[in-house]
Amino acid sequence: SSSKAAVLAMTVSSAKDLAPHGIRVNAVSPALIGPGFMWTRQNELHANSGSPYFATDPEEVAKAKVGGVPMKRLGTTDEVIKAVAFLLSDDSSYTTAFNLVVDGGMSGGLR
């Protein structure tokens, strides 16, 4: 979480520095995107971590994660791509120093 905070701080700082030059700087924070190799591998690693916070079965780990998402599903790569496309488009021409959270409501927008 400290590295994510650093990226967000750098996003805001860079956005303020570059705004007078017509350059917008934003961030996208996706969470629980899948299915795919990374989703499967992350669940395997969590299941094998020995942590008391994760089940030992990767499928149970996955179910628990999805159960914690208010929308009760994984996000898709297409949904992340659409978020990025919005920030790159003229529809967001007055948007800078912004972090677009794509997480199905997990963070409550407080990232």
C-alpha atoms as a PDB file:
ATOM      1  CA  SER A   1       0.000   0.000   0.000  1.00  0.00           C
ATOM      2  CA  SER A   2       2.933   2.370   0.482  1.00  0.00           C
ATOM      3  CA  SER A   3       3.972   1.969  -3.160  1.00  0.00           C
ATOM      4  CA  LYS A   4       0.408   2.681  -4.307  1.00  0.00           C
ATOM      5  CA  ALA A   5       0.337   5.794  -2.105  1.00  0.00           C
ATOM      6  CA  ALA A   6       3.607   6.907  -3.675  1.00  0.00           C
ATOM      7  CA  VAL A   7       2.196   6.475  -7.187  1.00  0.00           C
ATOM      8  CA  LEU A   8      -0.909   8.459  -6.254  1.00  0.00           C
ATOM      9  CA  ALA A   9       1.168  11.236  -4.671  1.00  0.00           C
ATOM     10  CA  MET A  10       3.367  11.348  -7.768  1.00  0.00           C
ATOM     11  CA  THR A  11       0.223  11.492  -9.938  1.00  0.00           C
ATOM     12  CA  VAL A  12      -1.060  14.556  -8.098  1.00  0.00           C
ATOM     13  CA  SER A  13       2.321  16.274  -8.001  1.00  0.00           C
ATOM     14  CA  SER A  14       2.988  15.635 -11.686  1.00  0.00           C
ATOM     15  CA  ALA A  15      -0.520  16.720 -12.639  1.00  0.00           C
ATOM     16  CA  LYS A  16      -0.082  20.062 -10.887  1.00  0.00           C
ATOM     17  CA  ASP A  17       3.336  20.616 -12.447  1.00  0.00           C
ATOM     18  CA  LEU A  18       2.244  19.700 -15.976  1.00  0.00           C
ATOM     19  CA  ALA A  19      -1.273  21.179 -16.076  1.00  0.00           C
ATOM     20  CA  PRO A  20      -0.035  24.634 -17.219  1.00  0.00           C
ATOM     21  CA  HIS A  21       1.460  22.868 -20.252  1.00  0.00           C
ATOM     22  CA  GLY A  22      -1.818  21.203 -21.188  1.00  0.00           C
ATOM     23  CA  ILE A  23      -0.701  17.788 -19.975  1.00  0.00           C
ATOM     24  CA  ARG A  24      -3.105  15.767 -17.845  1.00  0.00           C
ATOM     25  CA  VAL A  25      -1.862  13.093 -15.430  1.00  0.00           C
ATOM     26  CA  ASN A  26      -4.237  10.528 -13.948  1.00  0.00           C
ATOM     27  CA  ALA A  27      -4.047   7.058 -12.438  1.00  0.00           C
ATOM     28  CA  VAL A  28      -6.158   3.923 -12.681  1.00  0.00           C
ATOM     29  CA  SER A  29      -6.422   1.548  -9.714  1.00  0.00           C
ATOM     30  CA  PRO A  30      -7.947  -1.785 -10.710  1.00  0.00           C
ATOM     31  CA  ALA A  31      -8.587  -4.566  -8.217  1.00  0.00           C
ATOM     32  CA  LEU A  32      -9.717  -8.176  -8.559  1.00  0.00           C
ATOM     33  CA  ILE A  33      -9.587  -8.363 -12.336  1.00  0.00           C
ATOM     34  CA  GLY A  34      -9.966 -11.761 -13.930  1.00  0.00           C
ATOM     35  CA  PRO A  35     -10.199 -14.517 -14.750  1.00  0.00           C
ATOM     36  CA  GLY A  36      -6.771 -15.134 -16.117  1.00  0.00           C
ATOM     37  CA  PHE A  37      -3.278 -16.234 -15.257  1.00  0.00           C
ATOM     38  CA  MET A  38      -2.595 -13.462 -12.725  1.00  0.00           C
ATOM     39  CA  TRP A  39      -5.895 -14.031 -10.872  1.00  0.00           C
ATOM     40  CA  THR A  40      -5.326 -17.784 -10.691  1.00  0.00           C
ATOM     41  CA  ARG A  41      -1.678 -17.466  -9.700  1.00  0.00           C
ATOM     42  CA  GLN A  42      -2.410 -14.911  -6.981  1.00  0.00           C
ATOM     43  CA  ASN A  43      -5.005 -17.233  -5.444  1.00  0.00           C
ATOM     44  CA  GLU A  44      -2.569 -20.156  -5.570  1.00  0.00           C
ATOM     45  CA  LEU A  45       0.129 -18.093  -3.861  1.00  0.00           C
ATOM     46  CA  HIS A  46      -2.260 -16.888  -1.172  1.00  0.00           C
ATOM     47  CA  ALA A  47      -3.511 -20.444  -0.550  1.00  0.00           C
ATOM     48  CA  ASN A  48       0.059 -21.709  -0.194  1.00  0.00           C
ATOM     49  CA  SER A  49       1.276 -18.786   1.927  1.00  0.00           C
ATOM     50  CA  GLY A  50       0.448 -20.367   5.274  1.00  0.00           C
ATOM     51  CA  SER A  51      -1.291 -17.151   6.265  1.00  0.00           C
ATOM     52  CA  PRO A  52      -4.202 -17.510   8.679  1.00  0.00           C
ATOM     53  CA  TYR A  53      -6.062 -14.947   6.524  1.00  0.00           C
ATOM     54  CA  PHE A  54      -6.359 -17.260   3.518  1.00  0.00           C
ATOM     55  CA  ALA A  55      -7.840 -20.717   3.038  1.00  0.00           C
ATOM     56  CA  THR A  56      -5.497 -23.454   1.834  1.00  0.00           C
ATOM     57  CA  ASP A  57      -7.637 -24.149  -1.259  1.00  0.00           C
ATOM     58  CA  PRO A  58      -7.151 -21.626  -4.101  1.00  0.00           C
ATOM     59  CA  GLU A  59     -10.818 -21.926  -5.120  1.00  0.00           C
ATOM     60  CA  GLU A  60     -11.916 -21.026  -1.574  1.00  0.00           C
ATOM     61  CA  VAL A  61      -9.511 -18.081  -1.610  1.00  0.00           C
ATOM     62  CA  ALA A  62     -11.075 -16.884  -4.874  1.00  0.00           C
ATOM     63  CA  LYS A  63     -14.634 -17.262  -3.549  1.00  0.00           C
ATOM     64  CA  ALA A  64     -13.771 -15.313  -0.403  1.00  0.00           C
ATOM     65  CA  LYS A  65     -12.221 -12.485  -2.413  1.00  0.00           C
ATOM     66  CA  VAL A  66     -15.187 -12.204  -4.764  1.00  0.00           C
ATOM     67  CA  GLY A  67     -17.510 -12.400  -1.763  1.00  0.00           C
ATOM     68  CA  GLY A  68     -15.888  -9.231  -0.417  1.00  0.00           C
ATOM     69  CA  VAL A  69     -16.714  -7.261  -3.567  1.00  0.00           C
ATOM     70  CA  PRO A  70     -20.036  -5.366  -3.322  1.00  0.00           C
ATOM     71  CA  MET A  71     -20.796  -6.202  -6.979  1.00  0.00           C
ATOM     72  CA  LYS A  72     -20.093  -9.909  -6.201  1.00  0.00           C
ATOM     73  CA  ARG A  73     -18.013 -10.514  -9.319  1.00  0.00           C
ATOM     74  CA  LEU A  74     -14.575  -9.993 -10.792  1.00  0.00           C
ATOM     75  CA  GLY A  75     -13.865  -7.024 -12.977  1.00  0.00           C
ATOM     76  CA  THR A  76     -12.771  -7.636 -16.540  1.00  0.00           C
ATOM     77  CA  THR A  77      -9.767  -6.404 -18.443  1.00  0.00           C
ATOM     78  CA  ASP A  78     -12.229  -4.788 -20.850  1.00  0.00           C
ATOM     79  CA  GLU A  79     -13.628  -2.696 -17.982  1.00  0.00           C
ATOM     80  CA  VAL A  80     -10.118  -1.495 -17.104  1.00  0.00           C
ATOM     81  CA  ILE A  81      -9.434  -0.701 -20.769  1.00  0.00           C
ATOM     82  CA  LYS A  82     -12.643   1.355 -20.937  1.00  0.00           C
ATOM     83  CA  ALA A  83     -11.595   3.308 -17.832  1.00  0.00           C
ATOM     84  CA  VAL A  84      -8.220   4.088 -19.398  1.00  0.00           C
ATOM     85  CA  ALA A  85      -9.873   4.993 -22.722  1.00  0.00           C
ATOM     86  CA  PHE A  86     -12.135   7.453 -20.886  1.00  0.00           C
ATOM     87  CA  LEU A  87      -9.166   9.169 -19.269  1.00  0.00           C
ATOM     88  CA  LEU A  88      -7.427   9.379 -22.645  1.00  0.00           C
ATOM     89  CA  SER A  89     -10.500  10.780 -24.378  1.00  0.00           C
ATOM     90  CA  ASP A  90     -11.762  14.325 -24.804  1.00  0.00           C
ATOM     91  CA  ASP A  91     -14.630  13.360 -22.479  1.00  0.00           C
ATOM     92  CA  SER A  92     -12.178  13.785 -19.589  1.00  0.00           C
ATOM     93  CA  SER A  93     -10.442  16.898 -20.924  1.00  0.00           C
ATOM     94  CA  TYR A  94     -10.847  18.751 -17.596  1.00  0.00           C
ATOM     95  CA  THR A  95      -9.789  15.781 -15.476  1.00  0.00           C
ATOM     96  CA  THR A  96      -6.305  15.688 -13.991  1.00  0.00           C
ATOM     97  CA  ALA A  97      -4.727  14.525 -10.721  1.00  0.00           C
ATOM     98  CA  PHE A  98      -7.459  11.900 -10.539  1.00  0.00           C
ATOM     99  CA  ASN A  99      -7.337   8.229  -9.534  1.00  0.00           C
ATOM    100  CA  LEU A 100     -10.036   6.204 -11.263  1.00  0.00           C
ATOM    101  CA  VAL A 101     -10.789   3.193  -9.070  1.00  0.00           C
ATOM    102  CA  VAL A 102     -12.057   0.114 -10.921  1.00  0.00           C
ATOM    103  CA  ASP A 103     -12.808  -2.312  -8.100  1.00  0.00           C
ATOM    104  CA  GLY A 104     -16.524  -3.117  -8.011  1.00  0.00           C
ATOM    105  CA  GLY A 105     -17.003  -0.930  -4.936  1.00  0.00           C
ATOM    106  CA  MET A 106     -14.455  -2.686  -2.714  1.00  0.00           C
ATOM    107  CA  SER A 107     -12.725   0.455  -1.544  1.00  0.00           C
ATOM    108  CA  GLY A 108     -15.823   2.584  -1.354  1.00  0.00           C
ATOM    109  CA  GLY A 109     -14.025   5.077  -3.626  1.00  0.00           C
ATOM    110  CA  LEU A 110     -11.521   5.967  -0.900  1.00  0.00           C
ATOM    111  CA  ARG A 111      -8.292   5.182  -2.703  1.00  0.00           C
END
